[in-house]
Amino acid sequence: MVAVMFMSVALIALLCVLAYTLAIYALPFMLGLTAAQFAYQTGSGLIGAGLVGLFSAGVAFGILAVLFETIRTPVIRLIVALVFAAPAAVAGYALIYGITKEAVPSEIWRQIFCIVGGGVVGVSALTRLAAGAPKTA
């Protein structure tokens, strides 16, 4: 019985890490998911759709990271960063809201937790985007 309890805690921790990772990469994940659904509906099969989704998500992240690194204009660079981080912040907000919906009875504290969680996920997405390539002087 104790082993099952430890396995449950480990599974919940693994699911939280997965949800956090998917929230950070919300834009590439959703683009990959949409491409996989399109490929599946056009008859590529399950394996082909999965490969198309993985490829398109990787390309989307790669394009955003390359744009962020190569563009030197601060305004356009900020726009690229916001395009990547805004969906991640919204996904982080929704993730925290789903977790705290039944656990936090106060609506004010739930909103505070959700806003802080969305901000943390958004900042994490920005750091992942900025860490794409080493800086040169």
Protein backbone atom coordinates (compact mmCIF):
# COMPACT_ATOMS: atom_id res chain seq x y z
CA MET A 1 0.00 0.00 0.00
CA VAL A 2 2.86 2.39 0.79
CA ALA A 3 4.42 1.67 -2.60
CA VAL A 4 1.21 2.69 -4.33
CA MET A 5 1.14 5.94 -2.38
CA PHE A 6 4.72 6.75 -3.40
CA MET A 7 3.91 5.89 -7.01
CA SER A 8 0.89 8.22 -6.87
CA VAL A 9 2.99 11.09 -5.55
CA ALA A 10 5.64 10.43 -8.21
CA LEU A 11 3.01 10.36 -10.95
CA ILE A 12 1.46 13.62 -9.76
CA ALA A 13 4.91 15.25 -9.68
CA LEU A 14 5.63 13.97 -13.19
CA LEU A 15 2.31 15.33 -14.46
CA CYS A 16 3.04 18.72 -12.87
CA VAL A 17 6.44 18.86 -14.57
CA LEU A 18 4.84 17.90 -17.89
CA ALA A 19 2.10 20.53 -17.52
CA TYR A 20 4.68 23.20 -16.62
CA THR A 21 6.85 22.30 -19.61
CA LEU A 22 3.88 22.36 -21.97
CA ALA A 23 2.81 25.71 -20.54
CA ILE A 24 6.26 27.18 -21.18
CA TYR A 25 6.23 25.96 -24.76
CA ALA A 26 2.54 26.80 -25.31
CA LEU A 27 2.88 28.42 -28.73
CA PRO A 28 5.11 25.76 -30.35
CA PHE A 29 3.04 23.02 -28.69
CA MET A 30 -0.24 24.39 -30.05
CA LEU A 31 1.24 24.91 -33.52
CA GLY A 32 2.56 21.34 -33.49
CA LEU A 33 -0.76 20.00 -32.26
CA THR A 34 -2.65 21.87 -34.97
CA ALA A 35 -0.27 20.63 -37.66
CA ALA A 36 -0.58 17.06 -36.36
CA GLN A 37 -4.38 17.27 -36.40
CA PHE A 38 -4.32 18.61 -39.94
CA ALA A 39 -1.95 15.88 -41.07
CA TYR A 40 -4.06 13.20 -39.41
CA GLN A 41 -7.26 14.49 -41.01
CA THR A 42 -5.63 14.43 -44.44
CA GLY A 43 -4.78 10.74 -44.05
CA SER A 44 -1.19 10.61 -42.82
CA GLY A 45 -1.93 8.12 -40.05
CA LEU A 46 -1.03 8.33 -36.40
CA ILE A 47 2.74 8.01 -36.76
CA GLY A 48 2.94 10.45 -39.66
CA ALA A 49 0.79 12.98 -37.83
CA GLY A 50 3.01 12.70 -34.75
CA LEU A 51 6.14 13.26 -36.82
CA VAL A 52 4.59 16.25 -38.58
CA GLY A 53 3.55 17.71 -35.21
CA LEU A 54 6.99 17.25 -33.67
CA PHE A 55 8.70 18.72 -36.70
CA SER A 56 6.43 21.74 -36.92
CA ALA A 57 6.71 22.46 -33.18
CA GLY A 58 10.50 22.29 -33.40
CA VAL A 59 10.55 24.55 -36.44
CA ALA A 60 8.24 27.06 -34.73
CA PHE A 61 10.49 27.23 -31.67
CA GLY A 62 13.58 27.40 -33.87
CA ILE A 63 12.20 30.26 -35.95
CA LEU A 64 11.25 32.23 -32.84
CA ALA A 65 14.64 31.61 -31.24
CA VAL A 66 16.53 32.61 -34.39
CA LEU A 67 14.41 35.73 -34.80
CA PHE A 68 14.98 36.65 -31.17
CA GLU A 69 18.75 36.23 -31.53
CA THR A 70 19.26 37.88 -34.91
CA ILE A 71 16.97 40.90 -34.68
CA ARG A 72 18.71 43.82 -32.99
CA THR A 73 15.85 46.34 -33.00
CA PRO A 74 14.54 46.37 -29.42
CA VAL A 75 10.90 46.93 -30.38
CA ILE A 76 10.75 44.04 -32.84
CA ARG A 77 12.69 41.84 -30.45
CA LEU A 78 10.16 42.65 -27.73
CA ILE A 79 7.32 41.76 -30.10
CA VAL A 80 8.92 38.36 -30.84
CA ALA A 81 9.40 37.76 -27.12
CA LEU A 82 5.78 38.66 -26.40
CA VAL A 83 4.52 36.41 -29.19
CA PHE A 84 6.33 33.54 -27.47
CA ALA A 85 5.71 34.44 -23.82
CA ALA A 86 2.10 35.69 -23.88
CA PRO A 87 0.53 32.28 -24.71
CA ALA A 88 2.81 30.70 -22.12
CA ALA A 89 1.64 33.16 -19.46
CA VAL A 90 -2.00 32.49 -20.32
CA ALA A 91 -1.38 28.74 -20.19
CA GLY A 92 0.36 29.14 -16.81
CA TYR A 93 -2.58 31.14 -15.49
CA ALA A 94 -5.00 28.45 -16.67
CA LEU A 95 -2.81 25.71 -15.20
CA ILE A 96 -2.73 27.34 -11.77
CA TYR A 97 -6.43 28.11 -11.94
CA GLY A 98 -7.20 24.46 -12.66
CA ILE A 99 -5.05 23.32 -9.77
CA THR A 100 -6.39 25.84 -7.24
CA LYS A 101 -10.03 25.80 -8.31
CA GLU A 102 -11.06 23.37 -5.58
CA ALA A 103 -8.19 23.89 -3.16
CA VAL A 104 -8.36 27.67 -2.55
CA PRO A 105 -11.78 28.86 -1.35
CA SER A 106 -11.06 32.60 -1.58
CA GLU A 107 -11.51 34.03 -5.07
CA ILE A 108 -9.08 36.88 -4.36
CA TRP A 109 -6.27 34.55 -3.28
CA ARG A 110 -6.98 32.22 -6.20
CA GLN A 111 -6.58 35.14 -8.61
CA ILE A 112 -3.38 36.23 -6.87
CA PHE A 113 -1.94 32.72 -7.17
CA CYS A 114 -3.02 32.50 -10.81
CA ILE A 115 -1.52 35.85 -11.77
CA VAL A 116 1.76 35.05 -10.01
CA GLY A 117 1.84 31.58 -11.61
CA GLY A 118 1.13 33.00 -15.05
CA GLY A 119 3.88 35.56 -14.56
CA VAL A 120 6.38 32.91 -13.48
CA VAL A 121 5.56 30.74 -16.50
CA GLY A 122 5.79 33.76 -18.82
CA VAL A 123 9.20 34.75 -17.43
CA SER A 124 10.35 31.12 -17.70
CA ALA A 125 9.29 31.10 -21.34
CA LEU A 126 11.28 34.28 -21.95
CA THR A 127 14.38 32.80 -20.33
CA ARG A 128 14.04 29.63 -22.40
CA LEU A 129 13.78 31.73 -25.56
CA ALA A 130 16.72 33.93 -24.58
CA ALA A 131 18.87 30.91 -23.69
CA GLY A 132 18.58 29.59 -27.25
CA ALA A 133 22.06 30.68 -28.36
CA PRO A 134 25.13 31.96 -26.52
CA LYS A 135 25.64 35.72 -26.58
CA THR A 136 28.54 37.18 -28.52
CA ALA A 137 30.09 40.55 -27.78
